[in-house]
């Protein structure tokens, strides 16, 4: 996955801040005591990327003066994804209005929207020849519609520039933004993804700005608006959740008719972030996968290195095939 944040110094934007004057990335976490960082087990470790494809993608990112979350967060899949030139674009800036305990995206007051961004993203999709693209964003609670119109414009721009490209969106929860979800669904992305992130018992400490049942209802509402649209959600494990809580979350998502579930190991970005309570074994991940399929999900990706947009293009093809098989059987 190549998650690209737009830091272009546009003529109508404020100058970039010099490196020695940059604001604290997570001011809300600065006062917190350091947490223990557990040693990673063998199954979570990966080799340093060295492939030709990786270096070509790295050069593409450098030549466009872009910054990647993959590098900043030390994503374990960066070598594999960059080798395949997979891309996830992060729109609406690099500063989030939320302060989730697990996330390494900078928090604070965001900058105004870049009105050229939809066209620029569409141009990049066409130039890279992407068959499947994932569009995500920071939370923009400062906007009246939470950024729904901007998502809409990005989807439209990609459709015009690259009609054959399938589009997957990974959205915020649009909490207290009436009509926002309806606008995004009406733009007809191929996959609508909204991550639950963790079990409900962890929300106050892990995802304090969100509401568990609002997120479940958002995913359910997508299906009500467009029953043909694929829906997807993901969680991290290793945050102190109990097994029965994960199984209950699966049931909640199936009650919302969610098609695709991803489960991956939480990895702590810094000592100021929520600690990794434990590393879940590959055997436990396989057990979660088996159970999720019995509950009716069309697709399940459950492994230590699973990430929401990992293998998104290949998974979309498998998702379509699974639905076609189910329809044929019925």
Protein backbone atom coordinates (compact mmCIF):
# COMPACT_ATOMS: atom_id res chain seq x y z
CA UNK A 1 0.00 0.00 0.00
CA UNK A 2 1.30 3.44 -0.92
CA UNK A 3 -0.54 6.01 1.16
CA UNK A 4 0.27 9.42 -0.24
CA UNK A 5 -0.34 12.66 1.62
CA UNK A 6 -0.49 15.85 -0.41
CA UNK A 7 2.11 18.34 0.80
CA UNK A 8 2.45 20.27 -2.45
CA UNK A 9 3.33 23.93 -1.89
CA UNK A 10 0.52 25.44 -3.96
CA UNK A 11 0.42 29.14 -4.77
CA UNK A 12 -2.69 29.65 -2.64
CA UNK A 13 -1.38 27.59 0.26
CA UNK A 14 0.72 28.60 3.22
CA UNK A 15 4.49 28.03 2.83
CA UNK A 16 5.85 24.76 4.11
CA UNK A 17 7.13 24.98 7.67
CA UNK A 18 10.93 24.64 7.99
CA UNK A 19 12.02 21.31 9.44
CA UNK A 20 13.37 22.90 12.63
CA UNK A 21 10.09 24.77 13.27
CA UNK A 22 7.59 21.97 12.71
CA UNK A 23 4.73 21.68 15.17
CA UNK A 24 4.50 18.72 17.51
CA UNK A 25 2.92 15.88 15.56
CA UNK A 26 0.73 14.68 18.42
CA UNK A 27 0.32 17.53 20.92
CA UNK A 28 -2.46 15.68 22.72
CA UNK A 29 -0.08 12.80 23.48
CA UNK A 30 3.03 14.80 24.39
CA UNK A 31 2.24 14.82 28.12
CA UNK A 32 1.56 11.11 28.31
CA UNK A 33 4.13 8.77 29.89
CA UNK A 34 6.02 6.42 27.61
CA UNK A 35 4.43 3.00 27.24
CA UNK A 36 6.23 -0.31 27.07
CA UNK A 37 7.13 -1.51 23.57
CA UNK A 38 7.01 -5.28 23.27
CA UNK A 39 9.58 -7.14 21.19
CA UNK A 40 8.08 -8.28 17.91
CA UNK A 41 7.81 -12.03 17.37
CA UNK A 42 9.31 -13.67 14.29
CA UNK A 43 5.99 -13.83 12.44
CA UNK A 44 5.58 -10.04 12.38
CA UNK A 45 9.04 -9.28 11.00
CA UNK A 46 9.75 -8.61 7.33
CA UNK A 47 12.89 -8.09 5.26
CA UNK A 48 14.02 -4.64 4.21
CA UNK A 49 12.65 -3.75 0.73
CA UNK A 50 15.20 -3.95 -2.09
CA UNK A 51 13.25 -4.79 -5.28
CA UNK A 52 13.37 -2.80 -8.51
CA UNK A 53 9.63 -2.09 -8.31
CA UNK A 54 10.00 -0.73 -4.78
CA UNK A 55 12.74 1.68 -5.85
CA UNK A 56 10.74 2.79 -8.90
CA UNK A 57 7.76 3.62 -6.69
CA UNK A 58 10.03 5.35 -4.20
CA UNK A 59 11.44 7.49 -7.00
CA UNK A 60 7.93 8.31 -8.21
CA UNK A 61 7.01 9.51 -4.74
CA UNK A 62 10.22 11.53 -4.43
CA UNK A 63 9.87 13.12 -7.88
CA UNK A 64 6.38 14.34 -7.03
CA UNK A 65 7.62 15.70 -3.66
CA UNK A 66 5.13 13.56 -1.77
CA UNK A 67 5.31 12.07 1.70
CA UNK A 68 4.09 8.56 2.49
CA UNK A 69 2.49 7.17 5.61
CA UNK A 70 4.09 3.86 4.63
CA UNK A 71 7.52 5.29 5.37
CA UNK A 72 6.56 7.45 8.34
CA UNK A 73 4.68 4.64 10.08
CA UNK A 74 7.13 1.93 9.08
CA UNK A 75 4.42 -0.20 7.45
CA UNK A 76 5.58 -3.84 7.35
CA UNK A 77 4.06 -4.30 3.87
CA UNK A 78 5.85 -1.41 2.18
CA UNK A 79 8.27 -3.60 0.20
CA UNK A 80 5.57 -5.87 -1.20
CA UNK A 81 3.07 -3.12 -1.99
CA UNK A 82 5.53 -0.64 -3.50
CA UNK A 83 6.97 -3.42 -5.64
CA UNK A 84 3.50 -3.86 -7.17
CA UNK A 85 2.88 -0.07 -7.36
CA UNK A 86 -0.28 -0.33 -5.29
CA UNK A 87 -1.57 3.05 -4.19
CA UNK A 88 -3.84 4.49 -1.52
CA UNK A 89 -4.30 8.23 -1.75
CA UNK A 90 -5.05 10.22 1.37
CA UNK A 91 -7.10 13.29 0.56
CA UNK A 92 -8.09 16.47 2.43
CA UNK A 93 -4.66 17.16 3.88
CA UNK A 94 -2.37 15.59 6.42
CA UNK A 95 -3.82 16.93 9.69
CA UNK A 96 -6.67 15.06 11.39
CA UNK A 97 -9.25 16.57 13.75
CA UNK A 98 -9.40 13.36 15.80
CA UNK A 99 -6.79 12.06 18.24
CA UNK A 100 -7.13 8.27 18.19
CA UNK A 101 -4.72 6.48 20.51
CA UNK A 102 -3.49 4.09 17.79
CA UNK A 103 -2.98 6.46 14.85
CA UNK A 104 0.22 8.17 13.73
CA UNK A 105 -1.42 10.82 11.49
CA UNK A 106 -0.77 14.34 12.79
CA UNK A 107 -3.59 15.96 14.77
CA UNK A 108 -4.65 19.58 15.03
CA UNK A 109 -6.40 22.26 12.99
CA UNK A 110 -6.40 21.26 9.29
CA UNK A 111 -5.61 23.55 6.38
CA UNK A 112 -8.27 24.58 3.82
CA UNK A 113 -9.13 21.99 1.17
CA UNK A 114 -7.03 21.94 -2.00
CA UNK A 115 -9.57 22.57 -4.77
CA UNK A 116 -7.20 21.08 -7.37
CA UNK A 117 -6.81 17.82 -5.45
CA UNK A 118 -9.55 15.81 -7.24
CA UNK A 119 -7.97 16.54 -10.63
CA UNK A 120 -4.46 15.86 -9.33
CA UNK A 121 -5.45 12.52 -7.81
CA UNK A 122 -7.21 11.50 -11.04
CA UNK A 123 -4.10 12.45 -13.04
CA UNK A 124 -1.89 10.33 -10.79
CA UNK A 125 -4.25 7.35 -11.08
CA UNK A 126 -4.11 7.59 -14.88
CA UNK A 127 -0.33 8.06 -15.03
CA UNK A 128 0.28 5.09 -12.74
CA UNK A 129 -2.12 2.92 -14.74
CA UNK A 130 -3.95 1.76 -11.63
CA UNK A 131 -6.63 -0.89 -12.12
CA UNK A 132 -7.90 -0.41 -8.56
CA UNK A 133 -7.38 2.59 -6.32
CA UNK A 134 -8.15 3.22 -2.67
CA UNK A 135 -9.05 6.73 -1.54
CA UNK A 136 -8.94 7.52 2.17
CA UNK A 137 -8.79 10.70 4.22
CA UNK A 138 -8.16 12.25 7.56
CA UNK A 139 -11.19 13.10 9.72
CA UNK A 140 -12.44 16.59 8.89
CA UNK A 141 -14.86 17.41 11.69
CA UNK A 142 -14.22 21.09 10.91
CA UNK A 143 -16.13 20.82 7.61
CA UNK A 144 -19.92 21.08 7.52
CA UNK A 145 -20.17 17.86 5.50
CA UNK A 146 -17.10 16.12 6.94
CA UNK A 147 -15.51 16.20 3.48
CA UNK A 148 -18.29 14.29 1.69
CA UNK A 149 -18.36 16.67 -1.27
CA UNK A 150 -14.60 16.36 -1.67
CA UNK A 151 -14.85 12.56 -1.74
CA UNK A 152 -17.59 12.96 -4.34
CA UNK A 153 -15.43 15.19 -6.56
CA UNK A 154 -12.43 12.84 -6.32
CA UNK A 155 -14.56 9.86 -7.37
CA UNK A 156 -16.04 11.79 -10.30
CA UNK A 157 -12.59 12.97 -11.43
CA UNK A 158 -11.16 9.44 -11.41
CA UNK A 159 -14.17 8.12 -13.34
CA UNK A 160 -13.59 10.74 -16.03
CA UNK A 161 -9.81 10.33 -16.26
CA UNK A 162 -9.63 6.55 -15.87
CA UNK A 163 -13.04 4.94 -16.49
CA UNK A 164 -11.76 1.36 -16.16
CA UNK A 165 -10.26 1.90 -12.71
CA UNK A 166 -12.32 0.48 -9.86
CA UNK A 167 -12.58 2.74 -6.81
CA UNK A 168 -12.53 1.78 -3.15
CA UNK A 169 -13.06 4.45 -0.52
CA UNK A 170 -12.09 4.27 3.15
CA UNK A 171 -14.07 7.00 4.86
CA UNK A 172 -14.36 8.67 8.25
CA UNK A 173 -17.59 8.14 10.18
CA UNK A 174 -19.24 11.48 9.17
CA UNK A 175 -20.43 11.77 12.78
CA UNK A 176 -23.07 14.53 13.16
CA UNK A 177 -22.89 15.35 9.43
CA UNK A 178 -26.46 14.84 8.12
CA UNK A 179 -26.64 13.91 4.45
CA UNK A 180 -22.88 13.40 4.09
CA UNK A 181 -22.98 9.63 3.71
CA UNK A 182 -25.75 9.83 1.13
CA UNK A 183 -23.63 12.11 -1.08
CA UNK A 184 -20.67 9.75 -1.04
CA UNK A 185 -22.75 6.64 -1.78
CA UNK A 186 -24.49 8.47 -4.64
CA UNK A 187 -21.06 8.97 -6.28
CA UNK A 188 -20.99 5.18 -6.78
CA UNK A 189 -17.64 3.91 -5.50
CA UNK A 190 -17.17 0.18 -6.10
CA UNK A 191 -16.29 -0.56 -2.47
CA UNK A 192 -17.29 1.42 0.61
CA UNK A 193 -14.92 0.80 3.52
CA UNK A 194 -15.24 2.19 7.02
CA UNK A 195 -13.08 0.64 9.70
CA UNK A 196 -14.45 -0.22 13.14
CA UNK A 197 -10.80 -0.36 14.33
CA UNK A 198 -11.50 -2.18 17.62
CA UNK A 199 -14.18 -3.73 19.81
CA UNK A 200 -16.73 -1.45 21.55
CA UNK A 201 -15.19 -1.86 25.00
CA UNK A 202 -12.02 -0.13 23.76
CA UNK A 203 -13.62 2.91 22.15
CA UNK A 204 -13.21 5.32 25.08
CA UNK A 205 -9.46 4.70 25.23
CA UNK A 206 -8.59 3.75 21.62
CA UNK A 207 -11.07 5.69 19.48
CA UNK A 208 -12.57 8.33 21.81
CA UNK A 209 -13.92 10.64 19.11
CA UNK A 210 -16.02 7.90 17.50
CA UNK A 211 -19.15 5.95 18.46
CA UNK A 212 -19.23 2.19 17.90
CA UNK A 213 -22.89 1.80 17.00
CA UNK A 214 -22.81 4.89 14.78
CA UNK A 215 -20.10 3.18 12.72
CA UNK A 216 -22.12 -0.05 12.51
CA UNK A 217 -25.18 1.94 11.47
CA UNK A 218 -23.18 3.84 8.83
CA UNK A 219 -22.18 0.57 7.16
CA UNK A 220 -25.75 -0.70 7.38
CA UNK A 221 -27.05 2.53 5.82
CA UNK A 222 -24.73 2.11 2.82
CA UNK A 223 -26.48 -1.18 2.01
CA UNK A 224 -29.89 0.42 2.44
CA UNK A 225 -28.95 3.15 -0.03
CA UNK A 226 -27.31 0.81 -2.55
CA UNK A 227 -27.67 -2.96 -1.94
CA UNK A 228 -25.27 -3.69 -4.82
CA UNK A 229 -22.35 -1.77 -3.31
CA UNK A 230 -19.67 -3.85 -1.60
CA UNK A 231 -19.06 -2.88 2.03
CA UNK A 232 -15.94 -3.53 4.02
CA UNK A 233 -14.62 -2.96 7.53
CA UNK A 234 -11.51 -3.78 9.51
CA UNK A 235 -10.22 -4.09 13.05
CA UNK A 236 -6.89 -4.34 14.81
CA UNK A 237 -6.23 -6.93 17.49
CA UNK A 238 -3.67 -6.85 20.27
CA UNK A 239 -5.29 -3.83 21.94
CA UNK A 240 -6.56 -5.75 24.95
CA UNK A 241 -9.75 -7.13 23.41
CA UNK A 242 -11.20 -10.50 24.41
CA UNK A 243 -11.93 -13.20 21.86
CA UNK A 244 -15.68 -13.17 22.54
CA UNK A 245 -15.70 -9.39 21.90
CA UNK A 246 -14.22 -9.95 18.44
CA UNK A 247 -16.83 -12.61 17.67
CA UNK A 248 -19.62 -10.25 18.80
CA UNK A 249 -18.21 -7.53 16.54
CA UNK A 250 -18.38 -9.98 13.64
CA UNK A 251 -22.07 -10.56 14.41
CA UNK A 252 -22.71 -6.82 14.54
CA UNK A 253 -21.08 -6.33 11.14
CA UNK A 254 -23.03 -9.21 9.62
CA UNK A 255 -26.25 -7.70 10.98
CA UNK A 256 -25.26 -4.64 8.91
CA UNK A 257 -24.70 -6.94 5.89
CA UNK A 258 -20.97 -6.11 5.62
CA UNK A 259 -19.30 -8.18 2.88
CA UNK A 260 -15.59 -8.02 3.69
CA UNK A 261 -13.77 -8.12 7.03
CA UNK A 262 -10.06 -7.47 7.62
CA UNK A 263 -8.26 -8.32 10.88
CA UNK A 264 -4.64 -7.35 11.51
CA UNK A 265 -2.14 -6.96 14.33
CA UNK A 266 -1.93 -3.54 15.95
CA UNK A 267 1.61 -2.15 15.88
CA UNK A 268 2.48 0.77 18.14
CA UNK A 269 3.76 3.85 16.20
CA UNK A 270 5.53 5.51 19.17
CA UNK A 271 5.90 5.12 22.93
CA UNK A 272 3.21 7.79 23.35
CA UNK A 273 0.59 5.71 21.55
CA UNK A 274 -1.58 2.94 22.96
CA UNK A 275 0.62 -0.01 23.88
CA UNK A 276 0.49 -3.39 22.20
CA UNK A 277 -1.09 -5.57 24.86
CA UNK A 278 -0.02 -8.76 23.08
CA UNK A 279 0.92 -10.20 19.72
CA UNK A 280 -1.85 -12.43 18.40
CA UNK A 281 -0.52 -15.69 16.92
CA UNK A 282 -1.01 -16.71 13.28
CA UNK A 283 -3.08 -19.66 14.52
CA UNK A 284 -5.49 -17.30 16.27
CA UNK A 285 -5.79 -15.18 13.14
CA UNK A 286 -6.64 -18.30 11.12
CA UNK A 287 -9.28 -19.22 13.69
CA UNK A 288 -10.84 -15.75 13.36
CA UNK A 289 -10.87 -16.16 9.58
CA UNK A 290 -12.59 -19.54 9.73
CA UNK A 291 -15.24 -18.28 12.14
CA UNK A 292 -15.87 -15.12 10.09
CA UNK A 293 -16.57 -17.21 6.99
CA UNK A 294 -19.06 -19.35 8.90
CA UNK A 295 -20.85 -16.13 9.91
CA UNK A 296 -21.42 -15.25 6.27
CA UNK A 297 -18.75 -12.78 5.18
CA UNK A 298 -18.00 -13.01 1.45
CA UNK A 299 -14.32 -12.19 2.04
CA UNK A 300 -12.07 -12.33 5.08
CA UNK A 301 -8.43 -11.31 5.38
CA UNK A 302 -7.03 -12.19 8.79
CA UNK A 303 -3.30 -12.32 9.49
CA UNK A 304 -0.67 -10.46 11.52
CA UNK A 305 0.31 -8.30 8.54
CA UNK A 306 -3.20 -7.71 7.16
CA UNK A 307 -3.93 -4.03 6.60
CA UNK A 308 -7.14 -2.46 5.33
CA UNK A 309 -5.84 -1.67 1.83
CA UNK A 310 -3.33 -4.52 1.54
CA UNK A 311 -3.96 -6.48 -1.70
CA UNK A 312 -7.05 -4.30 -2.27
CA UNK A 313 -7.12 -4.83 -6.04
CA UNK A 314 -6.72 -8.60 -5.90
CA UNK A 315 -9.21 -8.81 -3.07
CA UNK A 316 -11.79 -6.82 -5.04
CA UNK A 317 -11.61 -9.37 -7.86
CA UNK A 318 -12.06 -12.20 -5.34
CA UNK A 319 -14.94 -10.32 -3.71
CA UNK A 320 -16.80 -10.03 -7.00
CA UNK A 321 -16.20 -13.70 -7.75
CA UNK A 322 -17.50 -14.71 -4.32
CA UNK A 323 -20.71 -12.75 -4.83
CA UNK A 324 -21.23 -14.21 -8.31
CA UNK A 325 -20.76 -17.69 -6.91
CA UNK A 326 -23.26 -16.99 -4.12
CA UNK A 327 -25.85 -15.58 -6.55
CA UNK A 328 -25.43 -18.56 -8.88
CA UNK A 329 -25.93 -20.97 -5.99
CA UNK A 330 -29.09 -19.18 -4.88
